[in-house]
Structures are given as C-alpha cells and as structure tokens.
Amino acid sequence: MSRKGLLIDYDQCSGCFSCVVACKQEHKYPEGKWGIKVEEKVFVDPRRPNNSLRIDYVPFPTEFCDLCTARAKRGERPACVKHCQAWCMYSGTLSELTTLMEKMPRAVLYSR
C-alpha cells in the first residue's frame, strides 16, 4: 500500500480558515487543539514596488493530524481538503503529490 500525504500550495491559500474549522469539527477537538492551523505572516516584500507589504497565509498540519484516517477508510478526502475554499490542498499518494508539486513554486508536502 502506498504511503499517503497532504500537499498544500502556499501561493494559493487565501486565509479563509475553512481547513481549520473542518478539521476541528471532524475530530471534535476542544478549544486550543488543532489538526491543522493557519498562520498569518505579514512582511515587506522587496520584489514588490516600493517594498510594499505582503500577507501570506500558511496552513500547517500539527502533531494531531492523522490525515483523516477514518474518512480515508470510507474512500473520502481529508476534511481540510474537502472544505478548502481556495482549492490549495490535495491528498493522495506521495508519488502522486510529488508529481503535482513539481508545478508549484511554494508548496509543502506532509505525510505520516
């Protein structure tokens, strides 16, 4: 059986936090516990005119992320992927995801 993973394209995340909400509801996590979190990063981007500000949203799985094992057994995608409003999250085998990642300049691949 091929190892599974989660691919996140950071260039496309809009910071809607749908992944966070979907994960918390799926796993019934209490306040202060997350399977995935989204960090907001504000910085001066020297590549932009007048060194203007840039805001990036960076979703990252935490130690509690199990890639929605129960959902996967039913043939469903992880809750964060299903509910992602920006379509920037993908799930599949590591070989599928690394091929997809080749086309993404800023992405991260998570596996368990």
N, C-alpha and C. Protein backbone atom coordinates (compact mmCIF):
# COMPACT_ATOMS: atom_id res chain seq x y z
N MET A 1 0.84 -1.19 0.00
CA MET A 1 0.00 0.00 0.00
C MET A 1 0.88 1.25 0.00
N SER A 2 0.56 2.21 -0.85
CA SER A 2 1.35 3.44 -0.96
C SER A 2 1.09 4.37 0.21
N ARG A 3 2.14 5.02 0.60
CA ARG A 3 2.05 5.99 1.69
C ARG A 3 1.27 7.22 1.23
N LYS A 4 0.42 7.75 2.11
CA LYS A 4 -0.44 8.90 1.79
C LYS A 4 0.14 10.19 2.34
N GLY A 5 -0.34 11.30 1.75
CA GLY A 5 0.14 12.59 2.20
C GLY A 5 -0.84 13.70 1.91
N LEU A 6 -0.43 14.90 2.30
CA LEU A 6 -1.22 16.12 2.12
C LEU A 6 -0.29 17.16 1.50
N LEU A 7 -0.71 17.76 0.39
CA LEU A 7 0.06 18.78 -0.31
C LEU A 7 -0.66 20.10 -0.18
N ILE A 8 0.08 21.14 0.22
CA ILE A 8 -0.51 22.47 0.39
C ILE A 8 0.26 23.46 -0.47
N ASP A 9 -0.45 24.14 -1.36
CA ASP A 9 0.12 25.16 -2.23
C ASP A 9 -0.02 26.51 -1.54
N TYR A 10 1.09 27.01 -0.96
CA TYR A 10 1.04 28.24 -0.19
C TYR A 10 0.74 29.47 -1.04
N ASP A 11 1.04 29.43 -2.32
CA ASP A 11 0.74 30.58 -3.18
C ASP A 11 -0.76 30.79 -3.37
N GLN A 12 -1.56 29.78 -3.12
CA GLN A 12 -2.99 29.88 -3.38
C GLN A 12 -3.86 30.07 -2.15
N CYS A 13 -3.31 29.84 -0.96
CA CYS A 13 -4.11 29.95 0.27
C CYS A 13 -4.57 31.39 0.48
N SER A 14 -5.87 31.56 0.70
CA SER A 14 -6.46 32.89 0.89
C SER A 14 -6.72 33.21 2.37
N GLY A 15 -6.42 32.28 3.26
CA GLY A 15 -6.60 32.53 4.68
C GLY A 15 -8.04 32.46 5.15
N CYS A 16 -8.84 31.63 4.52
CA CYS A 16 -10.26 31.54 4.90
C CYS A 16 -10.49 30.72 6.17
N PHE A 17 -9.50 29.91 6.55
CA PHE A 17 -9.56 29.08 7.76
C PHE A 17 -10.60 27.96 7.68
N SER A 18 -11.11 27.67 6.49
CA SER A 18 -12.07 26.56 6.34
C SER A 18 -11.45 25.23 6.74
N CYS A 19 -10.17 25.06 6.44
CA CYS A 19 -9.49 23.82 6.79
C CYS A 19 -9.46 23.63 8.31
N VAL A 20 -9.21 24.70 9.03
CA VAL A 20 -9.14 24.65 10.49
C VAL A 20 -10.50 24.25 11.07
N VAL A 21 -11.54 24.91 10.60
CA VAL A 21 -12.90 24.65 11.10
C VAL A 21 -13.33 23.22 10.76
N ALA A 22 -13.09 22.80 9.51
CA ALA A 22 -13.49 21.46 9.09
C ALA A 22 -12.79 20.39 9.92
N CYS A 23 -11.50 20.58 10.17
CA CYS A 23 -10.74 19.61 10.96
C CYS A 23 -11.25 19.54 12.40
N LYS A 24 -11.45 20.71 13.01
CA LYS A 24 -11.93 20.74 14.40
C LYS A 24 -13.30 20.07 14.51
N GLN A 25 -14.17 20.30 13.54
CA GLN A 25 -15.50 19.68 13.58
C GLN A 25 -15.42 18.18 13.32
N GLU A 26 -14.59 17.79 12.38
CA GLU A 26 -14.45 16.36 12.05
C GLU A 26 -13.98 15.55 13.24
N HIS A 27 -12.99 16.09 13.96
CA HIS A 27 -12.38 15.35 15.06
C HIS A 27 -12.91 15.74 16.44
N LYS A 28 -13.79 16.74 16.45
CA LYS A 28 -14.36 17.22 17.71
C LYS A 28 -13.26 17.64 18.69
N TYR A 29 -12.26 18.35 18.16
CA TYR A 29 -11.18 18.83 19.00
C TYR A 29 -11.68 19.94 19.92
N PRO A 30 -11.22 19.95 21.16
CA PRO A 30 -11.61 21.02 22.10
C PRO A 30 -10.86 22.32 21.77
N GLU A 31 -11.27 23.37 22.41
CA GLU A 31 -10.59 24.66 22.24
C GLU A 31 -9.10 24.50 22.55
N GLY A 32 -8.27 25.08 21.70
CA GLY A 32 -6.83 25.02 21.91
C GLY A 32 -6.14 23.82 21.28
N LYS A 33 -6.88 22.95 20.61
CA LYS A 33 -6.29 21.79 19.94
C LYS A 33 -6.69 21.82 18.48
N TRP A 34 -5.71 21.61 17.59
CA TRP A 34 -5.97 21.66 16.15
C TRP A 34 -5.25 20.52 15.46
N GLY A 35 -5.82 20.07 14.37
CA GLY A 35 -5.13 19.12 13.49
C GLY A 35 -4.39 19.88 12.41
N ILE A 36 -4.89 21.09 12.09
CA ILE A 36 -4.23 21.98 11.16
C ILE A 36 -4.46 23.40 11.64
N LYS A 37 -3.45 24.24 11.47
CA LYS A 37 -3.55 25.64 11.86
C LYS A 37 -3.16 26.50 10.67
N VAL A 38 -3.60 27.74 10.67
CA VAL A 38 -3.20 28.69 9.63
C VAL A 38 -2.56 29.89 10.31
N GLU A 39 -1.33 30.18 9.93
CA GLU A 39 -0.60 31.33 10.45
C GLU A 39 -0.66 32.45 9.42
N GLU A 40 -0.81 33.67 9.88
CA GLU A 40 -0.77 34.84 9.01
C GLU A 40 0.61 35.47 9.14
N LYS A 41 1.29 35.64 8.03
CA LYS A 41 2.63 36.23 8.02
C LYS A 41 2.58 37.53 7.22
N VAL A 42 2.92 38.64 7.86
CA VAL A 42 2.95 39.96 7.22
C VAL A 42 4.41 40.40 7.14
N PHE A 43 4.84 40.78 5.94
CA PHE A 43 6.23 41.19 5.80
C PHE A 43 6.39 42.14 4.61
N VAL A 44 7.51 42.83 4.59
CA VAL A 44 7.85 43.70 3.46
C VAL A 44 8.44 42.80 2.37
N ASP A 45 7.90 42.93 1.17
CA ASP A 45 8.36 42.12 0.04
C ASP A 45 9.23 42.97 -0.87
N PRO A 46 10.54 42.75 -0.87
CA PRO A 46 11.44 43.58 -1.68
C PRO A 46 11.23 43.40 -3.18
N ARG A 47 10.50 42.37 -3.57
CA ARG A 47 10.24 42.15 -5.00
C ARG A 47 9.06 42.98 -5.51
N ARG A 48 8.32 43.59 -4.60
CA ARG A 48 7.16 44.40 -4.99
C ARG A 48 7.55 45.87 -5.08
N PRO A 49 6.79 46.64 -5.87
CA PRO A 49 7.08 48.08 -5.98
C PRO A 49 7.07 48.75 -4.60
N ASN A 50 8.03 49.61 -4.37
CA ASN A 50 8.14 50.36 -3.12
C ASN A 50 8.23 49.47 -1.88
N ASN A 51 8.71 48.27 -2.06
CA ASN A 51 8.84 47.32 -0.94
C ASN A 51 7.53 47.22 -0.15
N SER A 52 6.43 47.08 -0.85
CA SER A 52 5.12 47.05 -0.19
C SER A 52 4.94 45.79 0.66
N LEU A 53 3.95 45.86 1.52
CA LEU A 53 3.66 44.73 2.40
C LEU A 53 3.04 43.57 1.64
N ARG A 54 3.31 42.40 2.17
CA ARG A 54 2.72 41.18 1.62
C ARG A 54 2.17 40.39 2.80
N ILE A 55 1.04 39.77 2.59
CA ILE A 55 0.45 38.91 3.62
C ILE A 55 0.36 37.50 3.04
N ASP A 56 0.96 36.57 3.73
CA ASP A 56 0.87 35.16 3.35
C ASP A 56 0.10 34.42 4.43
N TYR A 57 -0.67 33.45 4.01
CA TYR A 57 -1.37 32.55 4.93
C TYR A 57 -0.73 31.18 4.77
N VAL A 58 -0.30 30.63 5.90
CA VAL A 58 0.48 29.40 5.88
C VAL A 58 -0.23 28.32 6.70
N PRO A 59 -0.99 27.44 6.03
CA PRO A 59 -1.60 26.31 6.75
C PRO A 59 -0.53 25.24 7.03
N PHE A 60 -0.57 24.69 8.22
CA PHE A 60 0.37 23.61 8.52
C PHE A 60 -0.30 22.58 9.43
N PRO A 61 -0.12 21.31 9.10
CA PRO A 61 -0.65 20.25 9.95
C PRO A 61 0.12 20.20 11.27
N THR A 62 -0.58 19.88 12.34
CA THR A 62 0.05 19.76 13.65
C THR A 62 0.30 18.29 13.95
N GLU A 63 0.83 18.04 15.13
CA GLU A 63 1.09 16.66 15.53
C GLU A 63 -0.19 15.84 15.68
N PHE A 64 -1.35 16.49 15.72
CA PHE A 64 -2.62 15.78 15.85
C PHE A 64 -3.24 15.39 14.50
N CYS A 65 -2.66 15.85 13.40
CA CYS A 65 -3.18 15.50 12.07
C CYS A 65 -2.93 14.02 11.80
N ASP A 66 -4.00 13.29 11.50
CA ASP A 66 -3.89 11.88 11.16
C ASP A 66 -4.31 11.63 9.71
N LEU A 67 -4.35 12.72 8.93
CA LEU A 67 -4.78 12.67 7.52
C LEU A 67 -6.19 12.10 7.40
N CYS A 68 -6.99 12.29 8.44
CA CYS A 68 -8.38 11.81 8.48
C CYS A 68 -8.48 10.33 8.10
N THR A 69 -7.76 9.53 8.86
CA THR A 69 -7.71 8.10 8.61
C THR A 69 -9.10 7.47 8.49
N ALA A 70 -10.03 7.84 9.36
CA ALA A 70 -11.39 7.27 9.32
C ALA A 70 -12.08 7.64 8.00
N ARG A 71 -11.93 8.87 7.56
CA ARG A 71 -12.52 9.29 6.28
C ARG A 71 -11.88 8.53 5.11
N ALA A 72 -10.56 8.36 5.17
CA ALA A 72 -9.84 7.66 4.10
C ALA A 72 -10.32 6.22 3.96
N LYS A 73 -10.60 5.58 5.08
CA LYS A 73 -11.11 4.20 5.04
C LYS A 73 -12.45 4.10 4.33
N ARG A 74 -13.21 5.21 4.34
CA ARG A 74 -14.51 5.25 3.65
C ARG A 74 -14.36 5.77 2.21
N GLY A 75 -13.12 6.00 1.79
CA GLY A 75 -12.87 6.48 0.44
C GLY A 75 -13.07 7.98 0.28
N GLU A 76 -13.07 8.72 1.39
CA GLU A 76 -13.28 10.16 1.36
C GLU A 76 -11.96 10.91 1.53
N ARG A 77 -11.94 12.15 1.06
CA ARG A 77 -10.78 13.01 1.23
C ARG A 77 -10.74 13.53 2.67
N PRO A 78 -9.56 13.95 3.14
CA PRO A 78 -9.49 14.58 4.46
C PRO A 78 -10.41 15.80 4.52
N ALA A 79 -10.93 16.10 5.69
CA ALA A 79 -11.89 17.20 5.86
C ALA A 79 -11.30 18.53 5.40
N CYS A 80 -10.02 18.76 5.68
CA CYS A 80 -9.40 20.04 5.28
C CYS A 80 -9.36 20.19 3.77
N VAL A 81 -9.09 19.11 3.06
CA VAL A 81 -9.03 19.14 1.60
C VAL A 81 -10.43 19.34 1.02
N LYS A 82 -11.39 18.62 1.56
CA LYS A 82 -12.76 18.72 1.06
C LYS A 82 -13.31 20.14 1.19
N HIS A 83 -13.00 20.82 2.27
CA HIS A 83 -13.60 22.12 2.55
C HIS A 83 -12.73 23.31 2.18
N CYS A 84 -11.57 23.08 1.61
CA CYS A 84 -10.67 24.18 1.24
C CYS A 84 -11.32 25.06 0.18
N GLN A 85 -11.52 26.33 0.51
CA GLN A 85 -12.18 27.28 -0.38
C GLN A 85 -11.28 27.76 -1.52
N ALA A 86 -9.97 27.68 -1.32
CA ALA A 86 -9.02 28.16 -2.34
C ALA A 86 -8.52 27.02 -3.23
N TRP A 87 -8.95 25.82 -2.98
CA TRP A 87 -8.50 24.64 -3.74
C TRP A 87 -6.98 24.56 -3.74
N CYS A 88 -6.39 24.77 -2.58
CA CYS A 88 -4.92 24.74 -2.49
C CYS A 88 -4.41 23.53 -1.73
N MET A 89 -5.31 22.62 -1.36
CA MET A 89 -4.91 21.43 -0.61
C MET A 89 -5.29 20.18 -1.41
N TYR A 90 -4.37 19.22 -1.41
CA TYR A 90 -4.56 17.99 -2.17
C TYR A 90 -4.15 16.81 -1.30
N SER A 91 -4.80 15.68 -1.50
CA SER A 91 -4.41 14.46 -0.79
C SER A 91 -4.22 13.36 -1.82
N GLY A 92 -3.43 12.38 -1.47
CA GLY A 92 -3.17 11.26 -2.36
C GLY A 92 -1.92 10.53 -1.93
N THR A 93 -1.38 9.71 -2.83
CA THR A 93 -0.14 9.02 -2.53
C THR A 93 1.01 10.00 -2.67
N LEU A 94 2.10 9.72 -1.99
CA LEU A 94 3.25 10.61 -2.05
C LEU A 94 3.77 10.76 -3.48
N SER A 95 3.73 9.69 -4.25
CA SER A 95 4.22 9.78 -5.63
C SER A 95 3.31 10.68 -6.47
N GLU A 96 2.00 10.60 -6.28
CA GLU A 96 1.07 11.49 -6.99
C GLU A 96 1.31 12.95 -6.60
N LEU A 97 1.48 13.17 -5.31
CA LEU A 97 1.62 14.53 -4.80
C LEU A 97 2.96 15.17 -5.18
N THR A 98 4.03 14.38 -5.21
CA THR A 98 5.32 14.95 -5.61
C THR A 98 5.30 15.35 -7.08
N THR A 99 4.59 14.60 -7.91
CA THR A 99 4.45 14.97 -9.32
C THR A 99 3.69 16.29 -9.44
N LEU A 100 2.61 16.43 -8.70
CA LEU A 100 1.81 17.65 -8.70
C LEU A 100 2.62 18.83 -8.15
N MET A 101 3.43 18.56 -7.16
CA MET A 101 4.23 19.60 -6.51
C MET A 101 5.26 20.22 -7.45
N GLU A 102 5.67 19.48 -8.46
CA GLU A 102 6.66 19.98 -9.43
C GLU A 102 6.22 21.30 -10.05
N LYS A 103 4.92 21.53 -10.15
CA LYS A 103 4.37 22.73 -10.80
C LYS A 103 4.09 23.87 -9.82
N MET A 104 4.42 23.67 -8.56
CA MET A 104 4.12 24.66 -7.53
C MET A 104 5.40 25.27 -6.98
N PRO A 105 5.57 26.58 -7.11
CA PRO A 105 6.81 27.20 -6.64
C PRO A 105 6.94 27.23 -5.11
N ARG A 106 5.81 27.30 -4.38
CA ARG A 106 5.86 27.35 -2.92
C ARG A 106 4.81 26.40 -2.36
N ALA A 107 5.24 25.21 -2.05
CA ALA A 107 4.32 24.20 -1.54
C ALA A 107 5.02 23.36 -0.49
N VAL A 108 4.21 22.70 0.32
CA VAL A 108 4.76 21.80 1.34
C VAL A 108 4.02 20.48 1.27
N LEU A 109 4.75 19.40 1.51
CA LEU A 109 4.18 18.06 1.48
C LEU A 109 4.28 17.48 2.89
N TYR A 110 3.15 17.02 3.40
CA TYR A 110 3.09 16.44 4.75
C TYR A 110 2.70 14.98 4.62
N SER A 111 3.35 14.13 5.41
CA SER A 111 2.96 12.71 5.45
C SER A 111 3.13 12.18 6.86
N ARG A 112 2.49 11.05 7.10
CA ARG A 112 2.60 10.39 8.42
C ARG A 112 3.14 9.01 8.22
